[in-house]
mmCIF file of all heavy atoms, coordinates in Angstrom:
data_MODEL
# 
_entry.id   MODEL 
# 
loop_
_atom_site.group_PDB 
_atom_site.id 
_atom_site.type_symbol 
_atom_site.label_atom_id 
_atom_site.label_alt_id 
_atom_site.label_comp_id 
_atom_site.label_asym_id 
_atom_site.label_entity_id 
_atom_site.label_seq_id 
_atom_site.pdbx_PDB_ins_code 
_atom_site.Cartn_x 
_atom_site.Cartn_y 
_atom_site.Cartn_z 
_atom_site.occupancy 
_atom_site.B_iso_or_equiv 
_atom_site.pdbx_formal_charge 
_atom_site.auth_seq_id 
_atom_site.auth_comp_id 
_atom_site.auth_asym_id 
_atom_site.auth_atom_id 
_atom_site.pdbx_PDB_model_num 
ATOM 1   N N   . GLU A 1 1  ? 0.834  -1.210  0.000  1.00 0.00 ? 1  GLU A N   1 
ATOM 2   C CA  . GLU A 1 1  ? 0.000  0.000   0.000  1.00 0.00 ? 1  GLU A CA  1 
ATOM 3   C C   . GLU A 1 1  ? 0.866  1.257   0.000  1.00 0.00 ? 1  GLU A C   1 
ATOM 4   O O   . GLU A 1 1  ? 0.564  2.228   -0.701 1.00 0.00 ? 1  GLU A O   1 
ATOM 5   C CB  . GLU A 1 1  ? -0.947 0.000   1.204  1.00 0.00 ? 1  GLU A CB  1 
ATOM 6   C CG  . GLU A 1 1  ? -1.956 -1.130  1.220  1.00 0.00 ? 1  GLU A CG  1 
ATOM 7   C CD  . GLU A 1 1  ? -2.905 -1.114  0.039  1.00 0.00 ? 1  GLU A CD  1 
ATOM 8   O OE1 . GLU A 1 1  ? -3.315 -0.020  -0.406 1.00 0.00 ? 1  GLU A OE1 1 
ATOM 9   O OE2 . GLU A 1 1  ? -3.251 -2.211  -0.456 1.00 0.00 ? 1  GLU A OE2 1 
ATOM 10  N N   . ALA A 1 2  ? 1.949  1.259   0.773  1.00 0.00 ? 2  ALA A N   1 
ATOM 11  C CA  . ALA A 1 2  ? 2.845  2.419   0.831  1.00 0.00 ? 2  ALA A CA  1 
ATOM 12  C C   . ALA A 1 2  ? 3.555  2.627   -0.505 1.00 0.00 ? 2  ALA A C   1 
ATOM 13  O O   . ALA A 1 2  ? 3.732  3.766   -0.953 1.00 0.00 ? 2  ALA A O   1 
ATOM 14  C CB  . ALA A 1 2  ? 3.860  2.248   1.956  1.00 0.00 ? 2  ALA A CB  1 
ATOM 15  N N   . ARG A 1 3  ? 3.941  1.533   -1.153 1.00 0.00 ? 3  ARG A N   1 
ATOM 16  C CA  . ARG A 1 3  ? 4.591  1.647   -2.465 1.00 0.00 ? 3  ARG A CA  1 
ATOM 17  C C   . ARG A 1 3  ? 3.636  2.225   -3.498 1.00 0.00 ? 3  ARG A C   1 
ATOM 18  O O   . ARG A 1 3  ? 4.026  3.068   -4.309 1.00 0.00 ? 3  ARG A O   1 
ATOM 19  C CB  . ARG A 1 3  ? 5.107  0.289   -2.919 1.00 0.00 ? 3  ARG A CB  1 
ATOM 20  C CG  . ARG A 1 3  ? 6.313  -0.175  -2.113 1.00 0.00 ? 3  ARG A CG  1 
ATOM 21  C CD  . ARG A 1 3  ? 6.755  -1.542  -2.476 1.00 0.00 ? 3  ARG A CD  1 
ATOM 22  N NE  . ARG A 1 3  ? 7.248  -1.573  -3.846 1.00 0.00 ? 3  ARG A NE  1 
ATOM 23  C CZ  . ARG A 1 3  ? 7.437  -2.681  -4.552 1.00 0.00 ? 3  ARG A CZ  1 
ATOM 24  N NH1 . ARG A 1 3  ? 7.162  -3.844  -4.037 1.00 0.00 ? 3  ARG A NH1 1 
ATOM 25  N NH2 . ARG A 1 3  ? 7.896  -2.618  -5.776 1.00 0.00 ? 3  ARG A NH2 1 
ATOM 26  N N   . LYS A 1 4  ? 2.379  1.780   -3.481 1.00 0.00 ? 4  LYS A N   1 
ATOM 27  C CA  . LYS A 1 4  ? 1.396  2.263   -4.456 1.00 0.00 ? 4  LYS A CA  1 
ATOM 28  C C   . LYS A 1 4  ? 1.092  3.746   -4.270 1.00 0.00 ? 4  LYS A C   1 
ATOM 29  O O   . LYS A 1 4  ? 0.937  4.477   -5.235 1.00 0.00 ? 4  LYS A O   1 
ATOM 30  C CB  . LYS A 1 4  ? 0.085  1.472   -4.344 1.00 0.00 ? 4  LYS A CB  1 
ATOM 31  C CG  . LYS A 1 4  ? 0.157  0.084   -4.935 1.00 0.00 ? 4  LYS A CG  1 
ATOM 32  C CD  . LYS A 1 4  ? -1.217 -0.543  -5.072 1.00 0.00 ? 4  LYS A CD  1 
ATOM 33  C CE  . LYS A 1 4  ? -1.752 -0.989  -3.746 1.00 0.00 ? 4  LYS A CE  1 
ATOM 34  N NZ  . LYS A 1 4  ? -2.987 -1.788  -3.847 1.00 0.00 ? 4  LYS A NZ  1 
ATOM 35  N N   . SER A 1 5  ? 0.996  4.182   -3.016 1.00 0.00 ? 5  SER A N   1 
ATOM 36  C CA  . SER A 1 5  ? 0.566  5.552   -2.743 1.00 0.00 ? 5  SER A CA  1 
ATOM 37  C C   . SER A 1 5  ? 1.721  6.519   -2.482 1.00 0.00 ? 5  SER A C   1 
ATOM 38  O O   . SER A 1 5  ? 1.511  7.724   -2.416 1.00 0.00 ? 5  SER A O   1 
ATOM 39  C CB  . SER A 1 5  ? -0.383 5.570   -1.538 1.00 0.00 ? 5  SER A CB  1 
ATOM 40  O OG  . SER A 1 5  ? 0.305  5.171   -0.366 1.00 0.00 ? 5  SER A OG  1 
ATOM 41  N N   . GLY A 1 6  ? 2.924  5.988   -2.298 1.00 0.00 ? 6  GLY A N   1 
ATOM 42  C CA  . GLY A 1 6  ? 4.064  6.840   -1.969 1.00 0.00 ? 6  GLY A CA  1 
ATOM 43  C C   . GLY A 1 6  ? 3.992  7.377   -0.556 1.00 0.00 ? 6  GLY A C   1 
ATOM 44  O O   . GLY A 1 6  ? 4.617  8.384   -0.221 1.00 0.00 ? 6  GLY A O   1 
ATOM 45  N N   . SER A 1 7  ? 3.230  6.695   0.296  1.00 0.00 ? 7  SER A N   1 
ATOM 46  C CA  . SER A 1 7  ? 3.024  7.146   1.676  1.00 0.00 ? 7  SER A CA  1 
ATOM 47  C C   . SER A 1 7  ? 4.141  6.701   2.607  1.00 0.00 ? 7  SER A C   1 
ATOM 48  O O   . SER A 1 7  ? 4.838  5.713   2.348  1.00 0.00 ? 7  SER A O   1 
ATOM 49  C CB  . SER A 1 7  ? 1.695  6.595   2.210  1.00 0.00 ? 7  SER A CB  1 
ATOM 50  O OG  . SER A 1 7  ? 0.626  7.071   1.454  1.00 0.00 ? 7  SER A OG  1 
ATOM 51  N N   . LYS A 1 8  ? 4.263  7.415   3.691  1.00 0.00 ? 8  LYS A N   1 
ATOM 52  C CA  . LYS A 1 8  ? 5.155  7.038   4.776  1.00 0.00 ? 8  LYS A CA  1 
ATOM 53  C C   . LYS A 1 8  ? 4.492  5.889   5.528  1.00 0.00 ? 8  LYS A C   1 
ATOM 54  O O   . LYS A 1 8  ? 3.269  5.854   5.665  1.00 0.00 ? 8  LYS A O   1 
ATOM 55  C CB  . LYS A 1 8  ? 5.370  8.228   5.708  1.00 0.00 ? 8  LYS A CB  1 
ATOM 56  C CG  . LYS A 1 8  ? 6.302  7.967   6.860  1.00 0.00 ? 8  LYS A CG  1 
ATOM 57  C CD  . LYS A 1 8  ? 6.501  9.238   7.664  1.00 0.00 ? 8  LYS A CD  1 
ATOM 58  C CE  . LYS A 1 8  ? 7.551  9.049   8.727  1.00 0.00 ? 8  LYS A CE  1 
ATOM 59  N NZ  . LYS A 1 8  ? 7.832  10.344  9.401  1.00 0.00 ? 8  LYS A NZ  1 
ATOM 60  N N   . LEU A 1 9  ? 5.293  4.958   6.040  1.00 0.00 ? 9  LEU A N   1 
ATOM 61  C CA  . LEU A 1 9  ? 4.775  3.823   6.792  1.00 0.00 ? 9  LEU A CA  1 
ATOM 62  C C   . LEU A 1 9  ? 5.197  3.941   8.246  1.00 0.00 ? 9  LEU A C   1 
ATOM 63  O O   . LEU A 1 9  ? 6.379  4.103   8.539  1.00 0.00 ? 9  LEU A O   1 
ATOM 64  C CB  . LEU A 1 9  ? 5.289  2.520   6.183  1.00 0.00 ? 9  LEU A CB  1 
ATOM 65  C CG  . LEU A 1 9  ? 4.709  1.228   6.727  1.00 0.00 ? 9  LEU A CG  1 
ATOM 66  C CD1 . LEU A 1 9  ? 3.196  1.187   6.555  1.00 0.00 ? 9  LEU A CD1 1 
ATOM 67  C CD2 . LEU A 1 9  ? 5.340  0.039   6.021  1.00 0.00 ? 9  LEU A CD2 1 
ATOM 68  N N   . LEU A 1 10 ? 4.219  3.891   9.131  1.00 0.00 ? 10 LEU A N   1 
ATOM 69  C CA  . LEU A 1 10 ? 4.472  3.928   10.565 1.00 0.00 ? 10 LEU A CA  1 
ATOM 70  C C   . LEU A 1 10 ? 4.144  2.557   11.131 1.00 0.00 ? 10 LEU A C   1 
ATOM 71  O O   . LEU A 1 10 ? 2.986  2.127   11.123 1.00 0.00 ? 10 LEU A O   1 
ATOM 72  C CB  . LEU A 1 10 ? 3.614  5.006   11.232 1.00 0.00 ? 10 LEU A CB  1 
ATOM 73  C CG  . LEU A 1 10 ? 3.660  5.108   12.751 1.00 0.00 ? 10 LEU A CG  1 
ATOM 74  C CD1 . LEU A 1 10 ? 5.086  5.294   13.260 1.00 0.00 ? 10 LEU A CD1 1 
ATOM 75  C CD2 . LEU A 1 10 ? 2.769  6.247   13.223 1.00 0.00 ? 10 LEU A CD2 1 
ATOM 76  N N   . VAL A 1 11 ? 5.159  1.843   11.594 1.00 0.00 ? 11 VAL A N   1 
ATOM 77  C CA  . VAL A 1 11 ? 5.007  0.504   12.145 1.00 0.00 ? 11 VAL A CA  1 
ATOM 78  C C   . VAL A 1 11 ? 4.875  0.618   13.659 1.00 0.00 ? 11 VAL A C   1 
ATOM 79  O O   . VAL A 1 11 ? 5.757  1.180   14.319 1.00 0.00 ? 11 VAL A O   1 
ATOM 80  C CB  . VAL A 1 11 ? 6.212  -0.393  11.791 1.00 0.00 ? 11 VAL A CB  1 
ATOM 81  C CG1 . VAL A 1 11 ? 6.057  -1.789  12.384 1.00 0.00 ? 11 VAL A CG1 1 
ATOM 82  C CG2 . VAL A 1 11 ? 6.432  -0.452  10.285 1.00 0.00 ? 11 VAL A CG2 1 
ATOM 83  N N   . ILE A 1 12 ? 3.772  0.102   14.202 1.00 0.00 ? 12 ILE A N   1 
ATOM 84  C CA  . ILE A 1 12 ? 3.541  0.128   15.646 1.00 0.00 ? 12 ILE A CA  1 
ATOM 85  C C   . ILE A 1 12 ? 3.616  -1.292  16.187 1.00 0.00 ? 12 ILE A C   1 
ATOM 86  O O   . ILE A 1 12 ? 2.862  -2.177  15.771 1.00 0.00 ? 12 ILE A O   1 
ATOM 87  C CB  . ILE A 1 12 ? 2.159  0.734   15.991 1.00 0.00 ? 12 ILE A CB  1 
ATOM 88  C CG1 . ILE A 1 12 ? 2.025  2.154   15.454 1.00 0.00 ? 12 ILE A CG1 1 
ATOM 89  C CG2 . ILE A 1 12 ? 1.907  0.669   17.500 1.00 0.00 ? 12 ILE A CG2 1 
ATOM 90  C CD1 . ILE A 1 12 ? 2.951  3.166   16.106 1.00 0.00 ? 12 ILE A CD1 1 
ATOM 91  N N   . ASN A 1 13 ? 4.525  -1.512  17.126 1.00 0.00 ? 13 ASN A N   1 
ATOM 92  C CA  . ASN A 1 13 ? 4.662  -2.784  17.838 1.00 0.00 ? 13 ASN A CA  1 
ATOM 93  C C   . ASN A 1 13 ? 4.781  -2.427  19.307 1.00 0.00 ? 13 ASN A C   1 
ATOM 94  O O   . ASN A 1 13 ? 5.774  -1.865  19.728 1.00 0.00 ? 13 ASN A O   1 
ATOM 95  C CB  . ASN A 1 13 ? 5.894  -3.544  17.348 1.00 0.00 ? 13 ASN A CB  1 
ATOM 96  C CG  . ASN A 1 13 ? 6.193  -4.772  18.189 1.00 0.00 ? 13 ASN A CG  1 
ATOM 97  O OD1 . ASN A 1 13 ? 7.187  -4.809  18.891 1.00 0.00 ? 13 ASN A OD1 1 
ATOM 98  N ND2 . ASN A 1 13 ? 5.336  -5.768  18.124 1.00 0.00 ? 13 ASN A ND2 1 
ATOM 99  N N   . SER A 1 14 ? 3.739  -2.703  20.075 1.00 0.00 ? 14 SER A N   1 
ATOM 100 C CA  . SER A 1 14 ? 3.712  -2.209  21.445 1.00 0.00 ? 14 SER A CA  1 
ATOM 101 C C   . SER A 1 14 ? 3.619  -3.328  22.476 1.00 0.00 ? 14 SER A C   1 
ATOM 102 O O   . SER A 1 14 ? 3.339  -4.480  22.150 1.00 0.00 ? 14 SER A O   1 
ATOM 103 C CB  . SER A 1 14 ? 2.522  -1.260  21.631 1.00 0.00 ? 14 SER A CB  1 
ATOM 104 O OG  . SER A 1 14 ? 1.315  -1.977  21.511 1.00 0.00 ? 14 SER A OG  1 
ATOM 105 N N   . SER A 1 15 ? 3.854  -2.937  23.718 1.00 0.00 ? 15 SER A N   1 
ATOM 106 C CA  . SER A 1 15 ? 3.689  -3.829  24.858 1.00 0.00 ? 15 SER A CA  1 
ATOM 107 C C   . SER A 1 15 ? 3.077  -3.021  25.985 1.00 0.00 ? 15 SER A C   1 
ATOM 108 O O   . SER A 1 15 ? 3.343  -1.827  26.124 1.00 0.00 ? 15 SER A O   1 
ATOM 109 C CB  . SER A 1 15 ? 5.044  -4.394  25.300 1.00 0.00 ? 15 SER A CB  1 
ATOM 110 O OG  . SER A 1 15 ? 4.888  -5.192  26.456 1.00 0.00 ? 15 SER A OG  1 
ATOM 111 N N   . LYS A 1 16 ? 2.255  -3.674  26.791 1.00 0.00 ? 16 LYS A N   1 
ATOM 112 C CA  . LYS A 1 16 ? 1.637  -2.980  27.927 1.00 0.00 ? 16 LYS A CA  1 
ATOM 113 C C   . LYS A 1 16 ? 2.648  -2.659  29.025 1.00 0.00 ? 16 LYS A C   1 
ATOM 114 O O   . LYS A 1 16 ? 2.353  -1.929  29.941 1.00 0.00 ? 16 LYS A O   1 
ATOM 115 C CB  . LYS A 1 16 ? 0.515  -3.825  28.514 1.00 0.00 ? 16 LYS A CB  1 
ATOM 116 C CG  . LYS A 1 16 ? -0.746 -3.808  27.711 1.00 0.00 ? 16 LYS A CG  1 
ATOM 117 C CD  . LYS A 1 16 ? -1.836 -4.545  28.463 1.00 0.00 ? 16 LYS A CD  1 
ATOM 118 C CE  . LYS A 1 16 ? -3.155 -4.413  27.774 1.00 0.00 ? 16 LYS A CE  1 
ATOM 119 N NZ  . LYS A 1 16 ? -4.224 -5.081  28.519 1.00 0.00 ? 16 LYS A NZ  1 
ATOM 120 N N   . GLY A 1 17 ? 3.833  -3.213  28.942 1.00 0.00 ? 17 GLY A N   1 
ATOM 121 C CA  . GLY A 1 17 ? 4.838  -2.918  29.945 1.00 0.00 ? 17 GLY A CA  1 
ATOM 122 C C   . GLY A 1 17 ? 5.697  -4.117  30.291 1.00 0.00 ? 17 GLY A C   1 
ATOM 123 O O   . GLY A 1 17 ? 6.652  -4.014  31.035 1.00 0.00 ? 17 GLY A O   1 
ATOM 124 N N   . ASP A 1 18 ? 5.364  -5.256  29.745 1.00 0.00 ? 18 ASP A N   1 
ATOM 125 C CA  . ASP A 1 18 ? 6.131  -6.467  30.024 1.00 0.00 ? 18 ASP A CA  1 
ATOM 126 C C   . ASP A 1 18 ? 6.929  -6.894  28.793 1.00 0.00 ? 18 ASP A C   1 
ATOM 127 O O   . ASP A 1 18 ? 6.965  -8.049  28.415 1.00 0.00 ? 18 ASP A O   1 
ATOM 128 C CB  . ASP A 1 18 ? 5.211  -7.587  30.486 1.00 0.00 ? 18 ASP A CB  1 
ATOM 129 C CG  . ASP A 1 18 ? 4.020  -7.819  29.545 1.00 0.00 ? 18 ASP A CG  1 
ATOM 130 O OD1 . ASP A 1 18 ? 3.886  -7.060  28.561 1.00 0.00 ? 18 ASP A OD1 1 
ATOM 131 O OD2 . ASP A 1 18 ? 3.251  -8.748  29.795 1.00 0.00 ? 18 ASP A OD2 1 
ATOM 132 N N   . ALA A 1 19 ? 7.586  -5.926  28.168 1.00 0.00 ? 19 ALA A N   1 
ATOM 133 C CA  . ALA A 1 19 ? 8.266  -6.145  26.886 1.00 0.00 ? 19 ALA A CA  1 
ATOM 134 C C   . ALA A 1 19 ? 9.320  -7.251  26.959 1.00 0.00 ? 19 ALA A C   1 
ATOM 135 O O   . ALA A 1 19 ? 9.561  -7.934  25.962 1.00 0.00 ? 19 ALA A O   1 
ATOM 136 C CB  . ALA A 1 19 ? 8.912  -4.847  26.401 1.00 0.00 ? 19 ALA A CB  1 
ATOM 137 N N   . LEU A 1 20 ? 9.924  -7.455  28.109 1.00 0.00 ? 20 LEU A N   1 
ATOM 138 C CA  . LEU A 1 20 ? 10.971 -8.474  28.223 1.00 0.00 ? 20 LEU A CA  1 
ATOM 139 C C   . LEU A 1 20 ? 10.422 -9.888  28.085 1.00 0.00 ? 20 LEU A C   1 
ATOM 140 O O   . LEU A 1 20 ? 11.137 -10.796 27.685 1.00 0.00 ? 20 LEU A O   1 
ATOM 141 C CB  . LEU A 1 20 ? 11.721 -8.326  29.544 1.00 0.00 ? 20 LEU A CB  1 
ATOM 142 C CG  . LEU A 1 20 ? 12.529 -7.040  29.691 1.00 0.00 ? 20 LEU A CG  1 
ATOM 143 C CD1 . LEU A 1 20 ? 13.156 -6.961  31.070 1.00 0.00 ? 20 LEU A CD1 1 
ATOM 144 C CD2 . LEU A 1 20 ? 13.591 -6.946  28.608 1.00 0.00 ? 20 LEU A CD2 1 
ATOM 145 N N   . VAL A 1 21 ? 9.159  -10.089 28.414 1.00 0.00 ? 21 VAL A N   1 
ATOM 146 C CA  . VAL A 1 21 ? 8.563  -11.427 28.339 1.00 0.00 ? 21 VAL A CA  1 
ATOM 147 C C   . VAL A 1 21 ? 7.371  -11.490 27.390 1.00 0.00 ? 21 VAL A C   1 
ATOM 148 O O   . VAL A 1 21 ? 6.727  -12.525 27.266 1.00 0.00 ? 21 VAL A O   1 
ATOM 149 C CB  . VAL A 1 21 ? 8.139  -11.934 29.734 1.00 0.00 ? 21 VAL A CB  1 
ATOM 150 C CG1 . VAL A 1 21 ? 9.353  -12.133 30.627 1.00 0.00 ? 21 VAL A CG1 1 
ATOM 151 C CG2 . VAL A 1 21 ? 7.138  -10.998 30.377 1.00 0.00 ? 21 VAL A CG2 1 
ATOM 152 N N   . ASP A 1 22 ? 7.080  -10.396 26.714 1.00 0.00 ? 22 ASP A N   1 
ATOM 153 C CA  . ASP A 1 22 ? 5.938  -10.320 25.805 1.00 0.00 ? 22 ASP A CA  1 
ATOM 154 C C   . ASP A 1 22 ? 6.357  -10.847 24.433 1.00 0.00 ? 22 ASP A C   1 
ATOM 155 O O   . ASP A 1 22 ? 7.120  -10.196 23.725 1.00 0.00 ? 22 ASP A O   1 
ATOM 156 C CB  . ASP A 1 22 ? 5.466  -8.867  25.702 1.00 0.00 ? 22 ASP A CB  1 
ATOM 157 C CG  . ASP A 1 22 ? 4.206  -8.692  24.886 1.00 0.00 ? 22 ASP A CG  1 
ATOM 158 O OD1 . ASP A 1 22 ? 3.766  -9.661  24.236 1.00 0.00 ? 22 ASP A OD1 1 
ATOM 159 O OD2 . ASP A 1 22 ? 3.660  -7.573  24.897 1.00 0.00 ? 22 ASP A OD2 1 
ATOM 160 N N   . ASN A 1 23 ? 5.852  -12.037 24.045 1.00 0.00 ? 23 ASN A N   1 
ATOM 161 C CA  . ASN A 1 23 ? 6.275  -12.626 22.774 1.00 0.00 ? 23 ASN A CA  1 
ATOM 162 C C   . ASN A 1 23 ? 5.691  -11.906 21.567 1.00 0.00 ? 23 ASN A C   1 
ATOM 163 O O   . ASN A 1 23 ? 6.043  -12.191 20.436 1.00 0.00 ? 23 ASN A O   1 
ATOM 164 C CB  . ASN A 1 23 ? 5.958  -14.121 22.715 1.00 0.00 ? 23 ASN A CB  1 
ATOM 165 C CG  . ASN A 1 23 ? 4.478  -14.413 22.794 1.00 0.00 ? 23 ASN A CG  1 
ATOM 166 O OD1 . ASN A 1 23 ? 3.655  -13.511 22.958 1.00 0.00 ? 23 ASN A OD1 1 
ATOM 167 N ND2 . ASN A 1 23 ? 4.137  -15.683 22.697 1.00 0.00 ? 23 ASN A ND2 1 
ATOM 168 N N   . ARG A 1 24 ? 4.802  -10.942 21.797 1.00 0.00 ? 24 ARG A N   1 
ATOM 169 C CA  . ARG A 1 24 ? 4.254  -10.141 20.694 1.00 0.00 ? 24 ARG A CA  1 
ATOM 170 C C   . ARG A 1 24 ? 5.041  -8.831  20.516 1.00 0.00 ? 24 ARG A C   1 
ATOM 171 O O   . ARG A 1 24 ? 4.743  -8.042  19.628 1.00 0.00 ? 24 ARG A O   1 
ATOM 172 C CB  . ARG A 1 24 ? 2.772  -9.868  20.942 1.00 0.00 ? 24 ARG A CB  1 
ATOM 173 C CG  . ARG A 1 24 ? 1.978  -11.202 20.984 1.00 0.00 ? 24 ARG A CG  1 
ATOM 174 C CD  . ARG A 1 24 ? 0.533  -11.038 21.332 1.00 0.00 ? 24 ARG A CD  1 
ATOM 175 N NE  . ARG A 1 24 ? -0.225 -10.325 20.333 1.00 0.00 ? 24 ARG A NE  1 
ATOM 176 C CZ  . ARG A 1 24 ? -0.709 -10.853 19.206 1.00 0.00 ? 24 ARG A CZ  1 
ATOM 177 N NH1 . ARG A 1 24 ? -0.494 -12.117 18.925 1.00 0.00 ? 24 ARG A NH1 1 
ATOM 178 N NH2 . ARG A 1 24 ? -1.416 -10.119 18.373 1.00 0.00 ? 24 ARG A NH2 1 
ATOM 179 N N   . TYR A 1 25 ? 6.034  -8.618  21.354 1.00 0.00 ? 25 TYR A N   1 
ATOM 180 C CA  . TYR A 1 25 ? 6.896  -7.441  21.265 1.00 0.00 ? 25 TYR A CA  1 
ATOM 181 C C   . TYR A 1 25 ? 8.158  -7.848  20.521 1.00 0.00 ? 25 TYR A C   1 
ATOM 182 O O   . TYR A 1 25 ? 8.889  -8.747  20.946 1.00 0.00 ? 25 TYR A O   1 
ATOM 183 C CB  . TYR A 1 25 ? 7.232  -6.939  22.671 1.00 0.00 ? 25 TYR A CB  1 
ATOM 184 C CG  . TYR A 1 25 ? 7.862  -5.569  22.714 1.00 0.00 ? 25 TYR A CG  1 
ATOM 185 C CD1 . TYR A 1 25 ? 7.107  -4.428  22.462 1.00 0.00 ? 25 TYR A CD1 1 
ATOM 186 C CD2 . TYR A 1 25 ? 9.200  -5.409  23.026 1.00 0.00 ? 25 TYR A CD2 1 
ATOM 187 C CE1 . TYR A 1 25 ? 7.662  -3.167  22.517 1.00 0.00 ? 25 TYR A CE1 1 
ATOM 188 C CE2 . TYR A 1 25 ? 9.772  -4.149  23.084 1.00 0.00 ? 25 TYR A CE2 1 
ATOM 189 C CZ  . TYR A 1 25 ? 9.001  -3.034  22.829 1.00 0.00 ? 25 TYR A CZ  1 
ATOM 190 O OH  . TYR A 1 25 ? 9.557  -1.782  22.880 1.00 0.00 ? 25 TYR A OH  1 
ATOM 191 N N   . ALA A 1 26 ? 8.406  -7.219  19.382 1.00 0.00 ? 26 ALA A N   1 
ATOM 192 C CA  . ALA A 1 26 ? 9.545  -7.590  18.539 1.00 0.00 ? 26 ALA A CA  1 
ATOM 193 C C   . ALA A 1 26 ? 10.868 -7.289  19.244 1.00 0.00 ? 26 ALA A C   1 
ATOM 194 O O   . ALA A 1 26 ? 11.037 -6.228  19.843 1.00 0.00 ? 26 ALA A O   1 
ATOM 195 C CB  . ALA A 1 26 ? 9.464  -6.848  17.217 1.00 0.00 ? 26 ALA A CB  1 
# 
């Protein structure tokens, strides 16, 4: 989508605060 529109891409990967053990936090 960003390539087609020439838009900037904002990637959000968050954690509620347990980032060290949160397997959904990159």
